[in-house]
Each structure stands twice: as C-alpha cells, then as structure tokens.
C-alpha cells in the first residue's frame, strides 16, 4: 500500500467510500449518498501545496482517503486545517486510519499547518480512539447539533498542535 495525491479519476472511488459511511450514521452528517458531480468543487478545492487530498492505494484498489480542508475560510486560520479520514468498508479496523493520520501529522509542517482539527460525532468511538491515540485532545463538544434518524447527536472537536 502507498499514499499518493488523489487524481480526478479517483473521485468516483472517493465518493463510493464516503457514501459507504452514510447509512451508519456514525461518520457523516449527510443523510443520503452524494453524487460525484456534487463533489467536483470540493475536489477542486484541494491542492498538493495547500490542502491535499490523498488516497491510500492498495494494488488496483483505493483502500481509503484523507483530506486536509481549510478551517473556517478566513485568512487568519491559514495555519489550521481540518483532517478527515474515510476507509473502504473492507479496510476498516486494520490500522489504516493510523497510517493515514501518521502521514498527515508528518506532512503538516511541510504545509505550514500549526494546528490540525478533527470534527467527530461523539458516538463514533472508533474515530475518537484513533485521533486521541495519535495525540489529539478534546477541545470541546457541540451538544445535540445533528439529528440522525430522529436522534440528536453531539459533535466532538479534537485538535493537535503541530508547531509550538
């Protein structure tokens, strides 16, 4: 397996992996699957120099992906990025999230990020455990901000300082 920059032709696979999480109500606040077309602008907003989008390539298949996204869209937040990780259903629980997150932490100084953030549903214990195990700490919680299948859910904000 190796990590590489995502290419436009990877977008259908990226979307398929993303959509595989929708029904679980554990990972995303989308309530219905998204289309490749609806993710075109999101894909275009990523660049290797500022906010990369990487895929974890396993032979011919994409096992998962990681994105760095701009935080809050204001210039003063330029050195802060949100990190998101999604894994193919067959690849979950194998430590690949840790591989991707470790690479993100190693690459963050190259991108001149001082802080990385993660926004994780408070009931998503596997993701919380992953990020906390890699040194992210809880910055806060937004109680009951999402409604998933009639159930209110909270969002935990985690962060890790990269540059002191």
C-alpha atoms as a PDB file:
ATOM      1  CA  UNK A   1       0.000   0.000   0.000  1.00  0.00           C
ATOM      2  CA  UNK A   2       1.117   3.534  -0.629  1.00  0.00           C
ATOM      3  CA  UNK A   3      -0.272   7.021  -0.153  1.00  0.00           C
ATOM      4  CA  UNK A   4      -0.461   9.325  -3.149  1.00  0.00           C
ATOM      5  CA  UNK A   5      -2.136  12.517  -4.269  1.00  0.00           C
ATOM      6  CA  UNK A   6      -5.691  11.906  -5.449  1.00  0.00           C
ATOM      7  CA  UNK A   7      -6.333  12.218  -9.167  1.00  0.00           C
ATOM      8  CA  UNK A   8      -9.592  13.302 -10.784  1.00  0.00           C
ATOM      9  CA  UNK A   9     -10.215   9.715 -11.920  1.00  0.00           C
ATOM     10  CA  UNK A  10     -10.137   8.664  -8.240  1.00  0.00           C
ATOM     11  CA  UNK A  11     -13.180  10.798  -7.421  1.00  0.00           C
ATOM     12  CA  UNK A  12     -15.794   8.072  -8.088  1.00  0.00           C
ATOM     13  CA  UNK A  13     -13.914   5.754  -5.694  1.00  0.00           C
ATOM     14  CA  UNK A  14     -13.566   8.529  -3.103  1.00  0.00           C
ATOM     15  CA  UNK A  15     -17.304   9.195  -3.330  1.00  0.00           C
ATOM     16  CA  UNK A  16     -18.121   5.473  -3.067  1.00  0.00           C
ATOM     17  CA  UNK A  17     -16.051   5.187   0.112  1.00  0.00           C
ATOM     18  CA  UNK A  18     -17.681   8.314   1.525  1.00  0.00           C
ATOM     19  CA  UNK A  19     -21.155   7.049   0.652  1.00  0.00           C
ATOM     20  CA  UNK A  20     -20.430   3.736   2.370  1.00  0.00           C
ATOM     21  CA  UNK A  21     -20.486   5.640   5.681  1.00  0.00           C
ATOM     22  CA  UNK A  22     -23.796   7.456   5.234  1.00  0.00           C
ATOM     23  CA  UNK A  23     -26.122   4.664   6.399  1.00  0.00           C
ATOM     24  CA  UNK A  24     -24.161   4.008   9.604  1.00  0.00           C
ATOM     25  CA  UNK A  25     -24.953   7.492  10.952  1.00  0.00           C
ATOM     26  CA  UNK A  26     -21.530   7.375  12.645  1.00  0.00           C
ATOM     27  CA  UNK A  27     -19.295   9.393  10.345  1.00  0.00           C
ATOM     28  CA  UNK A  28     -21.038  11.979   8.206  1.00  0.00           C
ATOM     29  CA  UNK A  29     -23.959  14.342   8.631  1.00  0.00           C
ATOM     30  CA  UNK A  30     -25.106  13.628   5.088  1.00  0.00           C
ATOM     31  CA  UNK A  31     -28.361  11.728   5.243  1.00  0.00           C
ATOM     32  CA  UNK A  32     -28.320  10.496   1.645  1.00  0.00           C
ATOM     33  CA  UNK A  33     -25.457   9.408  -0.612  1.00  0.00           C
ATOM     34  CA  UNK A  34     -23.758  12.183  -2.558  1.00  0.00           C
ATOM     35  CA  UNK A  35     -23.004  12.188  -6.283  1.00  0.00           C
ATOM     36  CA  UNK A  36     -19.638  12.509  -7.960  1.00  0.00           C
ATOM     37  CA  UNK A  37     -20.905  15.672  -9.645  1.00  0.00           C
ATOM     38  CA  UNK A  38     -21.823  17.229  -6.295  1.00  0.00           C
ATOM     39  CA  UNK A  39     -18.238  16.684  -5.064  1.00  0.00           C
ATOM     40  CA  UNK A  40     -16.465  18.281  -8.051  1.00  0.00           C
ATOM     41  CA  UNK A  41     -15.991  21.683  -6.380  1.00  0.00           C
ATOM     42  CA  UNK A  42     -14.861  20.006  -3.144  1.00  0.00           C
ATOM     43  CA  UNK A  43     -12.286  18.006  -5.101  1.00  0.00           C
ATOM     44  CA  UNK A  44     -11.086  21.122  -6.945  1.00  0.00           C
ATOM     45  CA  UNK A  45     -10.623  22.969  -3.622  1.00  0.00           C
ATOM     46  CA  UNK A  46      -7.805  20.558  -2.698  1.00  0.00           C
ATOM     47  CA  UNK A  47      -4.261  21.086  -3.901  1.00  0.00           C
ATOM     48  CA  UNK A  48      -0.968  19.382  -3.064  1.00  0.00           C
ATOM     49  CA  UNK A  49       0.548  22.673  -1.887  1.00  0.00           C
ATOM     50  CA  UNK A  50      -2.207  23.865   0.452  1.00  0.00           C
ATOM     51  CA  UNK A  51      -4.910  21.310   1.259  1.00  0.00           C
ATOM     52  CA  UNK A  52      -4.004  17.905  -0.154  1.00  0.00           C
ATOM     53  CA  UNK A  53      -6.378  15.065  -0.814  1.00  0.00           C
ATOM     54  CA  UNK A  54      -4.637  11.705  -0.626  1.00  0.00           C
ATOM     55  CA  UNK A  55      -5.678   8.184  -1.426  1.00  0.00           C
ATOM     56  CA  UNK A  56      -4.308   5.010   0.120  1.00  0.00           C
ATOM     57  CA  UNK A  57      -3.653   2.764  -2.866  1.00  0.00           C
ATOM     58  CA  UNK A  58      -3.770  -0.998  -2.366  1.00  0.00           C
ATOM     59  CA  UNK A  59      -2.766  -2.531  -5.676  1.00  0.00           C
ATOM     60  CA  UNK A  60      -5.549  -1.632  -8.083  1.00  0.00           C
ATOM     61  CA  UNK A  61      -7.921  -0.544  -5.321  1.00  0.00           C
ATOM     62  CA  UNK A  62      -8.286   2.532  -3.176  1.00  0.00           C
ATOM     63  CA  UNK A  63      -8.411   1.440   0.458  1.00  0.00           C
ATOM     64  CA  UNK A  64      -9.187   4.890   1.818  1.00  0.00           C
ATOM     65  CA  UNK A  65      -8.553   8.588   1.622  1.00  0.00           C
ATOM     66  CA  UNK A  66      -7.544  11.578   3.726  1.00  0.00           C
ATOM     67  CA  UNK A  67      -8.239  15.243   3.152  1.00  0.00           C
ATOM     68  CA  UNK A  68      -6.906  18.443   4.625  1.00  0.00           C
ATOM     69  CA  UNK A  69      -9.601  21.120   4.461  1.00  0.00           C
ATOM     70  CA  UNK A  70      -9.466  24.824   5.148  1.00  0.00           C
ATOM     71  CA  UNK A  71     -10.806  25.723   8.559  1.00  0.00           C
ATOM     72  CA  UNK A  72     -13.457  28.414   8.635  1.00  0.00           C
ATOM     73  CA  UNK A  73     -12.326  30.061   5.392  1.00  0.00           C
ATOM     74  CA  UNK A  74     -10.756  33.192   6.879  1.00  0.00           C
ATOM     75  CA  UNK A  75      -7.108  34.232   6.293  1.00  0.00           C
ATOM     76  CA  UNK A  76      -6.177  34.235   9.986  1.00  0.00           C
ATOM     77  CA  UNK A  77      -6.925  30.486  10.082  1.00  0.00           C
ATOM     78  CA  UNK A  78      -4.490  29.693   7.241  1.00  0.00           C
ATOM     79  CA  UNK A  79      -2.260  27.621   9.550  1.00  0.00           C
ATOM     80  CA  UNK A  80      -5.118  25.435  10.797  1.00  0.00           C
ATOM     81  CA  UNK A  81      -6.635  22.570   8.838  1.00  0.00           C
ATOM     82  CA  UNK A  82      -9.356  20.013   9.367  1.00  0.00           C
ATOM     83  CA  UNK A  83      -8.357  16.405   8.756  1.00  0.00           C
ATOM     84  CA  UNK A  84     -10.863  13.810   7.533  1.00  0.00           C
ATOM     85  CA  UNK A  85     -10.242  10.103   7.014  1.00  0.00           C
ATOM     86  CA  UNK A  86     -12.512   7.610   5.274  1.00  0.00           C
ATOM     87  CA  UNK A  87     -11.788   3.922   4.703  1.00  0.00           C
ATOM     88  CA  UNK A  88     -13.325   1.371   2.386  1.00  0.00           C
ATOM     89  CA  UNK A  89     -15.645  -0.933   4.377  1.00  0.00           C
ATOM     90  CA  UNK A  90     -13.352  -3.918   3.775  1.00  0.00           C
ATOM     91  CA  UNK A  91     -10.361  -1.993   5.138  1.00  0.00           C
ATOM     92  CA  UNK A  92     -11.743  -0.710   8.422  1.00  0.00           C
ATOM     93  CA  UNK A  93     -10.264  -1.951  11.687  1.00  0.00           C
ATOM     94  CA  UNK A  94      -6.897  -2.838  10.125  1.00  0.00           C
ATOM     95  CA  UNK A  95      -4.892   0.153  11.347  1.00  0.00           C
ATOM     96  CA  UNK A  96      -5.015   2.013   8.034  1.00  0.00           C
ATOM     97  CA  UNK A  97      -6.572   5.091   9.614  1.00  0.00           C
ATOM     98  CA  UNK A  98      -3.491   5.300  11.803  1.00  0.00           C
ATOM     99  CA  UNK A  99      -1.243   5.009   8.738  1.00  0.00           C
ATOM    100  CA  UNK A 100      -3.044   7.891   7.041  1.00  0.00           C
ATOM    101  CA  UNK A 101      -3.166  10.048  10.164  1.00  0.00           C
ATOM    102  CA  UNK A 102       0.525   9.483  10.916  1.00  0.00           C
ATOM    103  CA  UNK A 103       1.381  10.611   7.383  1.00  0.00           C
ATOM    104  CA  UNK A 104      -0.814  13.691   7.821  1.00  0.00           C
ATOM    105  CA  UNK A 105       0.950  14.580  11.076  1.00  0.00           C
ATOM    106  CA  UNK A 106       4.354  14.121   9.446  1.00  0.00           C
ATOM    107  CA  UNK A 107       3.381  16.231   6.434  1.00  0.00           C
ATOM    108  CA  UNK A 108       1.585  19.028   8.319  1.00  0.00           C
ATOM    109  CA  UNK A 109       4.788  21.070   8.938  1.00  0.00           C
ATOM    110  CA  UNK A 110       5.573  20.963   5.201  1.00  0.00           C
ATOM    111  CA  UNK A 111       2.178  22.558   4.588  1.00  0.00           C
ATOM    112  CA  UNK A 112       2.915  25.092   7.353  1.00  0.00           C
ATOM    113  CA  UNK A 113      -0.003  23.927   9.474  1.00  0.00           C
ATOM    114  CA  UNK A 114       0.330  24.764  13.146  1.00  0.00           C
ATOM    115  CA  UNK A 115      -2.850  23.007  14.282  1.00  0.00           C
ATOM    116  CA  UNK A 116      -4.869  20.102  12.945  1.00  0.00           C
ATOM    117  CA  UNK A 117      -8.519  19.664  13.870  1.00  0.00           C
ATOM    118  CA  UNK A 118     -10.987  16.806  13.636  1.00  0.00           C
ATOM    119  CA  UNK A 119     -14.766  17.038  13.971  1.00  0.00           C
ATOM    120  CA  UNK A 120     -16.120  13.647  15.044  1.00  0.00           C
ATOM    121  CA  UNK A 121     -19.562  12.557  16.169  1.00  0.00           C
ATOM    122  CA  UNK A 122     -19.354  11.944  19.905  1.00  0.00           C
ATOM    123  CA  UNK A 123     -20.828   8.445  19.480  1.00  0.00           C
ATOM    124  CA  UNK A 124     -18.127   7.461  16.950  1.00  0.00           C
ATOM    125  CA  UNK A 125     -15.835   5.801  19.463  1.00  0.00           C
ATOM    126  CA  UNK A 126     -13.501   4.144  16.896  1.00  0.00           C
ATOM    127  CA  UNK A 127     -12.646   7.503  15.301  1.00  0.00           C
ATOM    128  CA  UNK A 128     -12.298   9.255  18.648  1.00  0.00           C
ATOM    129  CA  UNK A 129      -9.962   6.489  19.812  1.00  0.00           C
ATOM    130  CA  UNK A 130      -7.883   6.763  16.628  1.00  0.00           C
ATOM    131  CA  UNK A 131      -7.368  10.521  16.890  1.00  0.00           C
ATOM    132  CA  UNK A 132      -6.842  10.551  20.656  1.00  0.00           C
ATOM    133  CA  UNK A 133      -4.330   7.719  20.265  1.00  0.00           C
ATOM    134  CA  UNK A 134      -2.362   9.940  17.893  1.00  0.00           C
ATOM    135  CA  UNK A 135      -2.213  12.809  20.373  1.00  0.00           C
ATOM    136  CA  UNK A 136      -5.326  14.806  19.533  1.00  0.00           C
ATOM    137  CA  UNK A 137      -7.057  16.274  22.569  1.00  0.00           C
ATOM    138  CA  UNK A 138     -10.660  17.254  23.092  1.00  0.00           C
ATOM    139  CA  UNK A 139     -11.206  20.971  22.567  1.00  0.00           C
ATOM    140  CA  UNK A 140     -14.923  20.836  23.138  1.00  0.00           C
ATOM    141  CA  UNK A 141     -18.255  19.389  22.234  1.00  0.00           C
ATOM    142  CA  UNK A 142     -21.240  20.805  20.424  1.00  0.00           C
ATOM    143  CA  UNK A 143     -24.134  19.075  22.153  1.00  0.00           C
ATOM    144  CA  UNK A 144     -27.013  17.706  20.088  1.00  0.00           C
ATOM    145  CA  UNK A 145     -26.228  19.683  16.931  1.00  0.00           C
ATOM    146  CA  UNK A 146     -27.167  16.939  14.457  1.00  0.00           C
ATOM    147  CA  UNK A 147     -30.338  14.931  14.037  1.00  0.00           C
ATOM    148  CA  UNK A 148     -29.760  11.481  12.575  1.00  0.00           C
ATOM    149  CA  UNK A 149     -32.853   9.348  12.078  1.00  0.00           C
ATOM    150  CA  UNK A 150     -34.701  11.336  14.719  1.00  0.00           C
ATOM    151  CA  UNK A 151     -31.904  11.056  17.275  1.00  0.00           C
ATOM    152  CA  UNK A 152     -29.943  14.134  18.342  1.00  0.00           C
ATOM    153  CA  UNK A 153     -26.179  13.656  18.199  1.00  0.00           C
ATOM    154  CA  UNK A 154     -23.265  15.695  19.526  1.00  0.00           C
ATOM    155  CA  UNK A 155     -20.065  16.655  17.740  1.00  0.00           C
ATOM    156  CA  UNK A 156     -16.680  16.428  19.452  1.00  0.00           C
ATOM    157  CA  UNK A 157     -13.931  18.834  18.386  1.00  0.00           C
ATOM    158  CA  UNK A 158     -10.402  17.462  18.668  1.00  0.00           C
ATOM    159  CA  UNK A 159      -7.142  19.230  17.939  1.00  0.00           C
ATOM    160  CA  UNK A 160      -3.436  18.671  17.877  1.00  0.00           C
ATOM    161  CA  UNK A 161      -0.819  21.402  17.956  1.00  0.00           C
ATOM    162  CA  UNK A 162       1.862  20.746  15.337  1.00  0.00           C
ATOM    163  CA  UNK A 163       4.071  23.799  15.762  1.00  0.00           C
ATOM    164  CA  UNK A 164       4.862  25.228  19.181  1.00  0.00           C
END
